[in-house]
Amino acid sequence: RWSVEWDGTLLLDILRRTVPATLGVEA
């Protein structure tokens, strides 16, 4: 069992980096 938590700012920062790298969608 595990859990991971993101606050809104962290989540946005991570997705702006990982979405372009993984999905090819512009940041």
mmCIF file of all heavy atoms, coordinates in Angstrom:
data_MODEL
# 
_entry.id   MODEL 
# 
loop_
_atom_site.group_PDB 
_atom_site.id 
_atom_site.type_symbol 
_atom_site.label_atom_id 
_atom_site.label_alt_id 
_atom_site.label_comp_id 
_atom_site.label_asym_id 
_atom_site.label_entity_id 
_atom_site.label_seq_id 
_atom_site.pdbx_PDB_ins_code 
_atom_site.Cartn_x 
_atom_site.Cartn_y 
_atom_site.Cartn_z 
_atom_site.occupancy 
_atom_site.B_iso_or_equiv 
_atom_site.pdbx_formal_charge 
_atom_site.auth_seq_id 
_atom_site.auth_comp_id 
_atom_site.auth_asym_id 
_atom_site.auth_atom_id 
_atom_site.pdbx_PDB_model_num 
ATOM 1   N N   . ARG A 1 1  ? 0.851  -1.190 0.000   1.00 0.00 ? 1  ARG A N   1 
ATOM 2   C CA  . ARG A 1 1  ? 0.000  0.000  0.000   1.00 0.00 ? 1  ARG A CA  1 
ATOM 3   C C   . ARG A 1 1  ? 0.887  1.241  0.000   1.00 0.00 ? 1  ARG A C   1 
ATOM 4   O O   . ARG A 1 1  ? 1.932  1.271  0.642   1.00 0.00 ? 1  ARG A O   1 
ATOM 5   C CB  . ARG A 1 1  ? -0.886 0.030  1.248   1.00 0.00 ? 1  ARG A CB  1 
ATOM 6   C CG  . ARG A 1 1  ? -1.943 -1.073 1.277   1.00 0.00 ? 1  ARG A CG  1 
ATOM 7   C CD  . ARG A 1 1  ? -3.174 -0.681 0.496   1.00 0.00 ? 1  ARG A CD  1 
ATOM 8   N NE  . ARG A 1 1  ? -4.232 -1.677 0.675   1.00 0.00 ? 1  ARG A NE  1 
ATOM 9   C CZ  . ARG A 1 1  ? -4.539 -2.614 -0.206  1.00 0.00 ? 1  ARG A CZ  1 
ATOM 10  N NH1 . ARG A 1 1  ? -3.847 -2.699 -1.330  1.00 0.00 ? 1  ARG A NH1 1 
ATOM 11  N NH2 . ARG A 1 1  ? -5.520 -3.466 0.025   1.00 0.00 ? 1  ARG A NH2 1 
ATOM 12  N N   . TRP A 1 2  ? 0.466  2.266  -0.730  1.00 0.00 ? 2  TRP A N   1 
ATOM 13  C CA  . TRP A 1 2  ? 1.231  3.505  -0.779  1.00 0.00 ? 2  TRP A CA  1 
ATOM 14  C C   . TRP A 1 2  ? 0.293  4.664  -1.119  1.00 0.00 ? 2  TRP A C   1 
ATOM 15  O O   . TRP A 1 2  ? -0.835 4.456  -1.571  1.00 0.00 ? 2  TRP A O   1 
ATOM 16  C CB  . TRP A 1 2  ? 2.359  3.424  -1.810  1.00 0.00 ? 2  TRP A CB  1 
ATOM 17  C CG  . TRP A 1 2  ? 1.916  2.998  -3.190  1.00 0.00 ? 2  TRP A CG  1 
ATOM 18  C CD1 . TRP A 1 2  ? 1.920  1.734  -3.693  1.00 0.00 ? 2  TRP A CD1 1 
ATOM 19  C CD2 . TRP A 1 2  ? 1.380  3.838  -4.220  1.00 0.00 ? 2  TRP A CD2 1 
ATOM 20  N NE1 . TRP A 1 2  ? 1.417  1.725  -4.977  1.00 0.00 ? 2  TRP A NE1 1 
ATOM 21  C CE2 . TRP A 1 2  ? 1.091  3.007  -5.329  1.00 0.00 ? 2  TRP A CE2 1 
ATOM 22  C CE3 . TRP A 1 2  ? 1.121  5.202  -4.330  1.00 0.00 ? 2  TRP A CE3 1 
ATOM 23  C CZ2 . TRP A 1 2  ? 0.555  3.492  -6.521  1.00 0.00 ? 2  TRP A CZ2 1 
ATOM 24  C CZ3 . TRP A 1 2  ? 0.584  5.704  -5.511  1.00 0.00 ? 2  TRP A CZ3 1 
ATOM 25  C CH2 . TRP A 1 2  ? 0.314  4.848  -6.591  1.00 0.00 ? 2  TRP A CH2 1 
ATOM 26  N N   . SER A 1 3  ? 0.762  5.860  -0.895  1.00 0.00 ? 3  SER A N   1 
ATOM 27  C CA  . SER A 1 3  ? 0.010  7.043  -1.310  1.00 0.00 ? 3  SER A CA  1 
ATOM 28  C C   . SER A 1 3  ? 0.992  8.145  -1.702  1.00 0.00 ? 3  SER A C   1 
ATOM 29  O O   . SER A 1 3  ? 2.116  8.207  -1.188  1.00 0.00 ? 3  SER A O   1 
ATOM 30  C CB  . SER A 1 3  ? -0.925 7.538  -0.199  1.00 0.00 ? 3  SER A CB  1 
ATOM 31  O OG  . SER A 1 3  ? -0.176 7.946  0.929   1.00 0.00 ? 3  SER A OG  1 
ATOM 32  N N   . VAL A 1 4  ? 0.571  8.961  -2.624  1.00 0.00 ? 4  VAL A N   1 
ATOM 33  C CA  . VAL A 1 4  ? 1.357  10.115 -3.081  1.00 0.00 ? 4  VAL A CA  1 
ATOM 34  C C   . VAL A 1 4  ? 0.437  11.317 -3.094  1.00 0.00 ? 4  VAL A C   1 
ATOM 35  O O   . VAL A 1 4  ? -0.721 11.220 -3.534  1.00 0.00 ? 4  VAL A O   1 
ATOM 36  C CB  . VAL A 1 4  ? 1.938  9.878  -4.492  1.00 0.00 ? 4  VAL A CB  1 
ATOM 37  C CG1 . VAL A 1 4  ? 2.659  11.131 -4.992  1.00 0.00 ? 4  VAL A CG1 1 
ATOM 38  C CG2 . VAL A 1 4  ? 2.899  8.694  -4.490  1.00 0.00 ? 4  VAL A CG2 1 
ATOM 39  N N   . GLU A 1 5  ? 0.945  12.450 -2.616  1.00 0.00 ? 5  GLU A N   1 
ATOM 40  C CA  . GLU A 1 5  ? 0.136  13.668 -2.564  1.00 0.00 ? 5  GLU A CA  1 
ATOM 41  C C   . GLU A 1 5  ? 0.844  14.797 -3.297  1.00 0.00 ? 5  GLU A C   1 
ATOM 42  O O   . GLU A 1 5  ? 2.065  14.959 -3.199  1.00 0.00 ? 5  GLU A O   1 
ATOM 43  C CB  . GLU A 1 5  ? -0.117 14.061 -1.110  1.00 0.00 ? 5  GLU A CB  1 
ATOM 44  C CG  . GLU A 1 5  ? -0.956 15.321 -0.951  1.00 0.00 ? 5  GLU A CG  1 
ATOM 45  C CD  . GLU A 1 5  ? -1.281 15.625 0.505   1.00 0.00 ? 5  GLU A CD  1 
ATOM 46  O OE1 . GLU A 1 5  ? -1.254 14.681 1.332   1.00 0.00 ? 5  GLU A OE1 1 
ATOM 47  O OE2 . GLU A 1 5  ? -1.570 16.803 0.810   1.00 0.00 ? 5  GLU A OE2 1 
ATOM 48  N N   . TRP A 1 6  ? 0.076  15.564 -4.058  1.00 0.00 ? 6  TRP A N   1 
ATOM 49  C CA  . TRP A 1 6  ? 0.575  16.753 -4.733  1.00 0.00 ? 6  TRP A CA  1 
ATOM 50  C C   . TRP A 1 6  ? -0.305 17.945 -4.326  1.00 0.00 ? 6  TRP A C   1 
ATOM 51  O O   . TRP A 1 6  ? -1.543 17.815 -4.320  1.00 0.00 ? 6  TRP A O   1 
ATOM 52  C CB  . TRP A 1 6  ? 0.477  16.633 -6.249  1.00 0.00 ? 6  TRP A CB  1 
ATOM 53  C CG  . TRP A 1 6  ? 1.156  15.461 -6.878  1.00 0.00 ? 6  TRP A CG  1 
ATOM 54  C CD1 . TRP A 1 6  ? 2.414  15.417 -7.414  1.00 0.00 ? 6  TRP A CD1 1 
ATOM 55  C CD2 . TRP A 1 6  ? 0.595  14.160 -7.112  1.00 0.00 ? 6  TRP A CD2 1 
ATOM 56  N NE1 . TRP A 1 6  ? 2.681  14.175 -7.952  1.00 0.00 ? 6  TRP A NE1 1 
ATOM 57  C CE2 . TRP A 1 6  ? 1.577  13.382 -7.782  1.00 0.00 ? 6  TRP A CE2 1 
ATOM 58  C CE3 . TRP A 1 6  ? -0.639 13.568 -6.808  1.00 0.00 ? 6  TRP A CE3 1 
ATOM 59  C CZ2 . TRP A 1 6  ? 1.365  12.062 -8.164  1.00 0.00 ? 6  TRP A CZ2 1 
ATOM 60  C CZ3 . TRP A 1 6  ? -0.854 12.246 -7.181  1.00 0.00 ? 6  TRP A CZ3 1 
ATOM 61  C CH2 . TRP A 1 6  ? 0.136  11.509 -7.843  1.00 0.00 ? 6  TRP A CH2 1 
ATOM 62  N N   . ASP A 1 7  ? 0.278  19.074 -4.007  1.00 0.00 ? 7  ASP A N   1 
ATOM 63  C CA  . ASP A 1 7  ? -0.556 20.269 -3.899  1.00 0.00 ? 7  ASP A CA  1 
ATOM 64  C C   . ASP A 1 7  ? -0.728 20.834 -5.313  1.00 0.00 ? 7  ASP A C   1 
ATOM 65  O O   . ASP A 1 7  ? -0.076 20.386 -6.263  1.00 0.00 ? 7  ASP A O   1 
ATOM 66  C CB  . ASP A 1 7  ? 0.028  21.298 -2.926  1.00 0.00 ? 7  ASP A CB  1 
ATOM 67  C CG  . ASP A 1 7  ? 1.372  21.875 -3.372  1.00 0.00 ? 7  ASP A CG  1 
ATOM 68  O OD1 . ASP A 1 7  ? 1.634  21.967 -4.585  1.00 0.00 ? 7  ASP A OD1 1 
ATOM 69  O OD2 . ASP A 1 7  ? 2.174  22.241 -2.493  1.00 0.00 ? 7  ASP A OD2 1 
ATOM 70  N N   . GLY A 1 8  ? -1.615 21.791 -5.462  1.00 0.00 ? 8  GLY A N   1 
ATOM 71  C CA  . GLY A 1 8  ? -1.947 22.281 -6.797  1.00 0.00 ? 8  GLY A CA  1 
ATOM 72  C C   . GLY A 1 8  ? -0.766 22.839 -7.559  1.00 0.00 ? 8  GLY A C   1 
ATOM 73  O O   . GLY A 1 8  ? -0.600 22.605 -8.764  1.00 0.00 ? 8  GLY A O   1 
ATOM 74  N N   . THR A 1 9  ? 0.083  23.597 -6.868  1.00 0.00 ? 9  THR A N   1 
ATOM 75  C CA  . THR A 1 9  ? 1.236  24.205 -7.529  1.00 0.00 ? 9  THR A CA  1 
ATOM 76  C C   . THR A 1 9  ? 2.222  23.147 -7.992  1.00 0.00 ? 9  THR A C   1 
ATOM 77  O O   . THR A 1 9  ? 2.719  23.185 -9.128  1.00 0.00 ? 9  THR A O   1 
ATOM 78  C CB  . THR A 1 9  ? 1.932  25.181 -6.571  1.00 0.00 ? 9  THR A CB  1 
ATOM 79  O OG1 . THR A 1 9  ? 1.008  26.206 -6.180  1.00 0.00 ? 9  THR A OG1 1 
ATOM 80  C CG2 . THR A 1 9  ? 3.143  25.826 -7.245  1.00 0.00 ? 9  THR A CG2 1 
ATOM 81  N N   . LEU A 1 10 ? 2.517  22.179 -7.114  1.00 0.00 ? 10 LEU A N   1 
ATOM 82  C CA  . LEU A 1 10 ? 3.444  21.110 -7.475  1.00 0.00 ? 10 LEU A CA  1 
ATOM 83  C C   . LEU A 1 10 ? 2.896  20.291 -8.638  1.00 0.00 ? 10 LEU A C   1 
ATOM 84  O O   . LEU A 1 10 ? 3.632  19.946 -9.578  1.00 0.00 ? 10 LEU A O   1 
ATOM 85  C CB  . LEU A 1 10 ? 3.692  20.208 -6.268  1.00 0.00 ? 10 LEU A CB  1 
ATOM 86  C CG  . LEU A 1 10 ? 4.566  18.967 -6.504  1.00 0.00 ? 10 LEU A CG  1 
ATOM 87  C CD1 . LEU A 1 10 ? 5.964  19.377 -6.949  1.00 0.00 ? 10 LEU A CD1 1 
ATOM 88  C CD2 . LEU A 1 10 ? 4.619  18.106 -5.238  1.00 0.00 ? 10 LEU A CD2 1 
ATOM 89  N N   . LEU A 1 11 ? 1.611  19.952 -8.589  1.00 0.00 ? 11 LEU A N   1 
ATOM 90  C CA  . LEU A 1 11 ? 0.999  19.166 -9.657  1.00 0.00 ? 11 LEU A CA  1 
ATOM 91  C C   . LEU A 1 11 ? 1.125  19.875 -10.998 1.00 0.00 ? 11 LEU A C   1 
ATOM 92  O O   . LEU A 1 11 ? 1.503  19.263 -12.010 1.00 0.00 ? 11 LEU A O   1 
ATOM 93  C CB  . LEU A 1 11 ? -0.469 18.903 -9.336  1.00 0.00 ? 11 LEU A CB  1 
ATOM 94  C CG  . LEU A 1 11 ? -1.256 18.128 -10.391 1.00 0.00 ? 11 LEU A CG  1 
ATOM 95  C CD1 . LEU A 1 11 ? -0.712 16.711 -10.536 1.00 0.00 ? 11 LEU A CD1 1 
ATOM 96  C CD2 . LEU A 1 11 ? -2.745 18.098 -10.019 1.00 0.00 ? 11 LEU A CD2 1 
ATOM 97  N N   . LEU A 1 12 ? 0.846  21.165 -11.017 1.00 0.00 ? 12 LEU A N   1 
ATOM 98  C CA  . LEU A 1 12 ? 0.942  21.931 -12.260 1.00 0.00 ? 12 LEU A CA  1 
ATOM 99  C C   . LEU A 1 12 ? 2.372  21.953 -12.777 1.00 0.00 ? 12 LEU A C   1 
ATOM 100 O O   . LEU A 1 12 ? 2.622  21.752 -13.975 1.00 0.00 ? 12 LEU A O   1 
ATOM 101 C CB  . LEU A 1 12 ? 0.432  23.354 -12.031 1.00 0.00 ? 12 LEU A CB  1 
ATOM 102 C CG  . LEU A 1 12 ? 0.429  24.285 -13.251 1.00 0.00 ? 12 LEU A CG  1 
ATOM 103 C CD1 . LEU A 1 12 ? -0.463 23.717 -14.353 1.00 0.00 ? 12 LEU A CD1 1 
ATOM 104 C CD2 . LEU A 1 12 ? -0.040 25.688 -12.854 1.00 0.00 ? 12 LEU A CD2 1 
ATOM 105 N N   . ASP A 1 13 ? 3.332  22.171 -11.889 1.00 0.00 ? 13 ASP A N   1 
ATOM 106 C CA  . ASP A 1 13 ? 4.735  22.201 -12.297 1.00 0.00 ? 13 ASP A CA  1 
ATOM 107 C C   . ASP A 1 13 ? 5.172  20.854 -12.890 1.00 0.00 ? 13 ASP A C   1 
ATOM 108 O O   . ASP A 1 13 ? 5.869  20.808 -13.909 1.00 0.00 ? 13 ASP A O   1 
ATOM 109 C CB  . ASP A 1 13 ? 5.634  22.539 -11.100 1.00 0.00 ? 13 ASP A CB  1 
ATOM 110 C CG  . ASP A 1 13 ? 5.517  23.993 -10.672 1.00 0.00 ? 13 ASP A CG  1 
ATOM 111 O OD1 . ASP A 1 13 ? 4.974  24.793 -11.461 1.00 0.00 ? 13 ASP A OD1 1 
ATOM 112 O OD2 . ASP A 1 13 ? 5.952  24.315 -9.547  1.00 0.00 ? 13 ASP A OD2 1 
ATOM 113 N N   . ILE A 1 14 ? 4.757  19.752 -12.230 1.00 0.00 ? 14 ILE A N   1 
ATOM 114 C CA  . ILE A 1 14 ? 5.135  18.424 -12.716 1.00 0.00 ? 14 ILE A CA  1 
ATOM 115 C C   . ILE A 1 14 ? 4.507  18.149 -14.074 1.00 0.00 ? 14 ILE A C   1 
ATOM 116 O O   . ILE A 1 14 ? 5.182  17.685 -15.010 1.00 0.00 ? 14 ILE A O   1 
ATOM 117 C CB  . ILE A 1 14 ? 4.738  17.344 -11.687 1.00 0.00 ? 14 ILE A CB  1 
ATOM 118 C CG1 . ILE A 1 14 ? 5.666  17.420 -10.466 1.00 0.00 ? 14 ILE A CG1 1 
ATOM 119 C CG2 . ILE A 1 14 ? 4.790  15.946 -12.307 1.00 0.00 ? 14 ILE A CG2 1 
ATOM 120 C CD1 . ILE A 1 14 ? 5.268  16.501 -9.333  1.00 0.00 ? 14 ILE A CD1 1 
ATOM 121 N N   . LEU A 1 15 ? 3.221  18.430 -14.226 1.00 0.00 ? 15 LEU A N   1 
ATOM 122 C CA  . LEU A 1 15 ? 2.549  18.144 -15.487 1.00 0.00 ? 15 LEU A CA  1 
ATOM 123 C C   . LEU A 1 15 ? 3.101  18.998 -16.620 1.00 0.00 ? 15 LEU A C   1 
ATOM 124 O O   . LEU A 1 15 ? 3.169  18.535 -17.772 1.00 0.00 ? 15 LEU A O   1 
ATOM 125 C CB  . LEU A 1 15 ? 1.044  18.348 -15.348 1.00 0.00 ? 15 LEU A CB  1 
ATOM 126 C CG  . LEU A 1 15 ? 0.312  17.373 -14.410 1.00 0.00 ? 15 LEU A CG  1 
ATOM 127 C CD1 . LEU A 1 15 ? -1.180 17.680 -14.378 1.00 0.00 ? 15 LEU A CD1 1 
ATOM 128 C CD2 . LEU A 1 15 ? 0.543  15.933 -14.845 1.00 0.00 ? 15 LEU A CD2 1 
ATOM 129 N N   . ARG A 1 16 ? 3.501  20.214 -16.332 1.00 0.00 ? 16 ARG A N   1 
ATOM 130 C CA  . ARG A 1 16 ? 4.101  21.059 -17.383 1.00 0.00 ? 16 ARG A CA  1 
ATOM 131 C C   . ARG A 1 16 ? 5.421  20.486 -17.881 1.00 0.00 ? 16 ARG A C   1 
ATOM 132 O O   . ARG A 1 16 ? 5.848  20.790 -18.995 1.00 0.00 ? 16 ARG A O   1 
ATOM 133 C CB  . ARG A 1 16 ? 4.304  22.470 -16.847 1.00 0.00 ? 16 ARG A CB  1 
ATOM 134 C CG  . ARG A 1 16 ? 3.035  23.312 -16.849 1.00 0.00 ? 16 ARG A CG  1 
ATOM 135 C CD  . ARG A 1 16 ? 3.258  24.671 -16.226 1.00 0.00 ? 16 ARG A CD  1 
ATOM 136 N NE  . ARG A 1 16 ? 2.099  25.534 -16.403 1.00 0.00 ? 16 ARG A NE  1 
ATOM 137 C CZ  . ARG A 1 16 ? 1.909  26.690 -15.756 1.00 0.00 ? 16 ARG A CZ  1 
ATOM 138 N NH1 . ARG A 1 16 ? 2.824  27.103 -14.879 1.00 0.00 ? 16 ARG A NH1 1 
ATOM 139 N NH2 . ARG A 1 16 ? 0.842  27.415 -15.986 1.00 0.00 ? 16 ARG A NH2 1 
ATOM 140 N N   . ARG A 1 17 ? 6.051  19.652 -17.059 1.00 0.00 ? 17 ARG A N   1 
ATOM 141 C CA  . ARG A 1 17 ? 7.304  19.010 -17.475 1.00 0.00 ? 17 ARG A CA  1 
ATOM 142 C C   . ARG A 1 17 ? 7.065  17.635 -18.089 1.00 0.00 ? 17 ARG A C   1 
ATOM 143 O O   . ARG A 1 17 ? 7.642  17.294 -19.113 1.00 0.00 ? 17 ARG A O   1 
ATOM 144 C CB  . ARG A 1 17 ? 8.247  18.889 -16.273 1.00 0.00 ? 17 ARG A CB  1 
ATOM 145 C CG  . ARG A 1 17 ? 9.600  18.293 -16.625 1.00 0.00 ? 17 ARG A CG  1 
ATOM 146 C CD  . ARG A 1 17 ? 10.544 18.235 -15.441 1.00 0.00 ? 17 ARG A CD  1 
ATOM 147 N NE  . ARG A 1 17 ? 10.096 17.295 -14.424 1.00 0.00 ? 17 ARG A NE  1 
ATOM 148 C CZ  . ARG A 1 17 ? 9.521  17.613 -13.279 1.00 0.00 ? 17 ARG A CZ  1 
ATOM 149 N NH1 . ARG A 1 17 ? 9.307  18.875 -12.987 1.00 0.00 ? 17 ARG A NH1 1 
ATOM 150 N NH2 . ARG A 1 17 ? 9.142  16.684 -12.420 1.00 0.00 ? 17 ARG A NH2 1 
ATOM 151 N N   . THR A 1 18 ? 6.203  16.841 -17.452 1.00 0.00 ? 18 THR A N   1 
ATOM 152 C CA  . THR A 1 18 ? 6.053  15.450 -17.888 1.00 0.00 ? 18 THR A CA  1 
ATOM 153 C C   . THR A 1 18 ? 5.120  15.287 -19.090 1.00 0.00 ? 18 THR A C   1 
ATOM 154 O O   . THR A 1 18 ? 5.329  14.378 -19.905 1.00 0.00 ? 18 THR A O   1 
ATOM 155 C CB  . THR A 1 18 ? 5.539  14.573 -16.742 1.00 0.00 ? 18 THR A CB  1 
ATOM 156 O OG1 . THR A 1 18 ? 4.259  15.062 -16.294 1.00 0.00 ? 18 THR A OG1 1 
ATOM 157 C CG2 . THR A 1 18 ? 6.517  14.574 -15.571 1.00 0.00 ? 18 THR A CG2 1 
ATOM 158 N N   . VAL A 1 19 ? 4.105  16.113 -19.214 1.00 0.00 ? 19 VAL A N   1 
ATOM 159 C CA  . VAL A 1 19 ? 3.185  15.973 -20.340 1.00 0.00 ? 19 VAL A CA  1 
ATOM 160 C C   . VAL A 1 19 ? 3.900  16.199 -21.677 1.00 0.00 ? 19 VAL A C   1 
ATOM 161 O O   . VAL A 1 19 ? 3.738  15.399 -22.607 1.00 0.00 ? 19 VAL A O   1 
ATOM 162 C CB  . VAL A 1 19 ? 1.965  16.904 -20.162 1.00 0.00 ? 19 VAL A CB  1 
ATOM 163 C CG1 . VAL A 1 19 ? 1.190  17.056 -21.463 1.00 0.00 ? 19 VAL A CG1 1 
ATOM 164 C CG2 . VAL A 1 19 ? 1.048  16.364 -19.062 1.00 0.00 ? 19 VAL A CG2 1 
ATOM 165 N N   . PRO A 1 20 ? 4.710  17.258 -21.830 1.00 0.00 ? 20 PRO A N   1 
ATOM 166 C CA  . PRO A 1 20 ? 5.451  17.393 -23.089 1.00 0.00 ? 20 PRO A CA  1 
ATOM 167 C C   . PRO A 1 20 ? 6.436  16.249 -23.314 1.00 0.00 ? 20 PRO A C   1 
ATOM 168 O O   . PRO A 1 20 ? 6.547  15.721 -24.429 1.00 0.00 ? 20 PRO A O   1 
ATOM 169 C CB  . PRO A 1 20 ? 6.192  18.721 -22.919 1.00 0.00 ? 20 PRO A CB  1 
ATOM 170 C CG  . PRO A 1 20 ? 5.420  19.469 -21.904 1.00 0.00 ? 20 PRO A CG  1 
ATOM 171 C CD  . PRO A 1 20 ? 4.900  18.432 -20.959 1.00 0.00 ? 20 PRO A CD  1 
ATOM 172 N N   . ALA A 1 21 ? 7.151  15.836 -22.259 1.00 0.00 ? 21 ALA A N   1 
ATOM 173 C CA  . ALA A 1 21 ? 8.170  14.799 -22.414 1.00 0.00 ? 21 ALA A CA  1 
ATOM 174 C C   . ALA A 1 21 ? 7.572  13.448 -22.744 1.00 0.00 ? 21 ALA A C   1 
ATOM 175 O O   . ALA A 1 21 ? 8.133  12.679 -23.542 1.00 0.00 ? 21 ALA A O   1 
ATOM 176 C CB  . ALA A 1 21 ? 9.012  14.712 -21.138 1.00 0.00 ? 21 ALA A CB  1 
ATOM 177 N N   . THR A 1 22 ? 6.427  13.135 -22.148 1.00 0.00 ? 22 THR A N   1 
ATOM 178 C CA  . THR A 1 22 ? 5.838  11.805 -22.316 1.00 0.00 ? 22 THR A CA  1 
ATOM 179 C C   . THR A 1 22 ? 4.806  11.749 -23.424 1.00 0.00 ? 22 THR A C   1 
ATOM 180 O O   . THR A 1 22 ? 4.747  10.776 -24.180 1.00 0.00 ? 22 THR A O   1 
ATOM 181 C CB  . THR A 1 22 ? 5.184  11.362 -20.989 1.00 0.00 ? 22 THR A CB  1 
ATOM 182 O OG1 . THR A 1 22 ? 6.134  11.442 -19.932 1.00 0.00 ? 22 THR A OG1 1 
ATOM 183 C CG2 . THR A 1 22 ? 4.666  9.925  -21.084 1.00 0.00 ? 22 THR A CG2 1 
ATOM 184 N N   . LEU A 1 23 ? 3.981  12.790 -23.544 1.00 0.00 ? 23 LEU A N   1 
ATOM 185 C CA  . LEU A 1 23 ? 2.862  12.756 -24.489 1.00 0.00 ? 23 LEU A CA  1 
ATOM 186 C C   . LEU A 1 23 ? 3.089  13.605 -25.728 1.00 0.00 ? 23 LEU A C   1 
ATOM 187 O O   . LEU A 1 23 ? 2.329  13.489 -26.696 1.00 0.00 ? 23 LEU A O   1 
ATOM 188 C CB  . LEU A 1 23 ? 1.576  13.222 -23.789 1.00 0.00 ? 23 LEU A CB  1 
ATOM 189 C CG  . LEU A 1 23 ? 1.199  12.510 -22.488 1.00 0.00 ? 23 LEU A CG  1 
ATOM 190 C CD1 . LEU A 1 23 ? -0.092 13.089 -21.942 1.00 0.00 ? 23 LEU A CD1 1 
ATOM 191 C CD2 . LEU A 1 23 ? 1.072  11.013 -22.713 1.00 0.00 ? 23 LEU A CD2 1 
ATOM 192 N N   . GLY A 1 24 ? 4.096  14.473 -25.700 1.00 0.00 ? 24 GLY A N   1 
ATOM 193 C CA  . GLY A 1 24 ? 4.349  15.335 -26.852 1.00 0.00 ? 24 GLY A CA  1 
ATOM 194 C C   . GLY A 1 24 ? 3.410  16.518 -26.952 1.00 0.00 ? 24 GLY A C   1 
ATOM 195 O O   . GLY A 1 24 ? 3.347  17.189 -27.986 1.00 0.00 ? 24 GLY A O   1 
ATOM 196 N N   . VAL A 1 25 ? 2.674  16.795 -25.872 1.00 0.00 ? 25 VAL A N   1 
ATOM 197 C CA  . VAL A 1 25 ? 1.773  17.950 -25.832 1.00 0.00 ? 25 VAL A CA  1 
ATOM 198 C C   . VAL A 1 25 ? 2.560  19.160 -25.348 1.00 0.00 ? 25 VAL A C   1 
ATOM 199 O O   . VAL A 1 25 ? 3.342  19.069 -24.403 1.00 0.00 ? 25 VAL A O   1 
ATOM 200 C CB  . VAL A 1 25 ? 0.580  17.681 -24.889 1.00 0.00 ? 25 VAL A CB  1 
ATOM 201 C CG1 . VAL A 1 25 ? -0.313 18.912 -24.773 1.00 0.00 ? 25 VAL A CG1 1 
ATOM 202 C CG2 . VAL A 1 25 ? -0.216 16.482 -25.375 1.00 0.00 ? 25 VAL A CG2 1 
ATOM 203 N N   . GLU A 1 26 ? 2.363  20.296 -25.986 1.00 0.00 ? 26 GLU A N   1 
ATOM 204 C CA  . GLU A 1 26 ? 3.111  21.496 -25.620 1.00 0.00 ? 26 GLU A CA  1 
ATOM 205 C C   . GLU A 1 26 ? 2.801  21.917 -24.187 1.00 0.00 ? 26 GLU A C   1 
ATOM 206 O O   . GLU A 1 26 ? 1.653  21.843 -23.730 1.00 0.00 ? 26 GLU A O   1 
ATOM 207 C CB  . GLU A 1 26 ? 2.778  22.639 -26.569 1.00 0.00 ? 26 GLU A CB  1 
ATOM 208 C CG  . GLU A 1 26 ? 3.250  22.407 -27.999 1.00 0.00 ? 26 GLU A CG  1 
ATOM 209 C CD  . GLU A 1 26 ? 2.909  23.582 -28.895 1.00 0.00 ? 26 GLU A CD  1 
ATOM 210 O OE1 . GLU A 1 26 ? 2.249  24.537 -28.405 1.00 0.00 ? 26 GLU A OE1 1 
ATOM 211 O OE2 . GLU A 1 26 ? 3.299  23.557 -30.067 1.00 0.00 ? 26 GLU A OE2 1 
ATOM 212 N N   . ALA A 1 27 ? 3.831  22.360 -23.481 1.00 0.00 ? 27 ALA A N   1 
ATOM 213 C CA  . ALA A 1 27 ? 3.671  22.752 -22.083 1.00 0.00 ? 27 ALA A CA  1 
ATOM 214 C C   . ALA A 1 27 ? 2.652  23.875 -21.923 1.00 0.00 ? 27 ALA A C   1 
ATOM 215 O O   . ALA A 1 27 ? 1.961  23.963 -20.905 1.00 0.00 ? 27 ALA A O   1 
ATOM 216 C CB  . ALA A 1 27 ? 5.024  23.177 -21.512 1.00 0.00 ? 27 ALA A CB  1 
# 
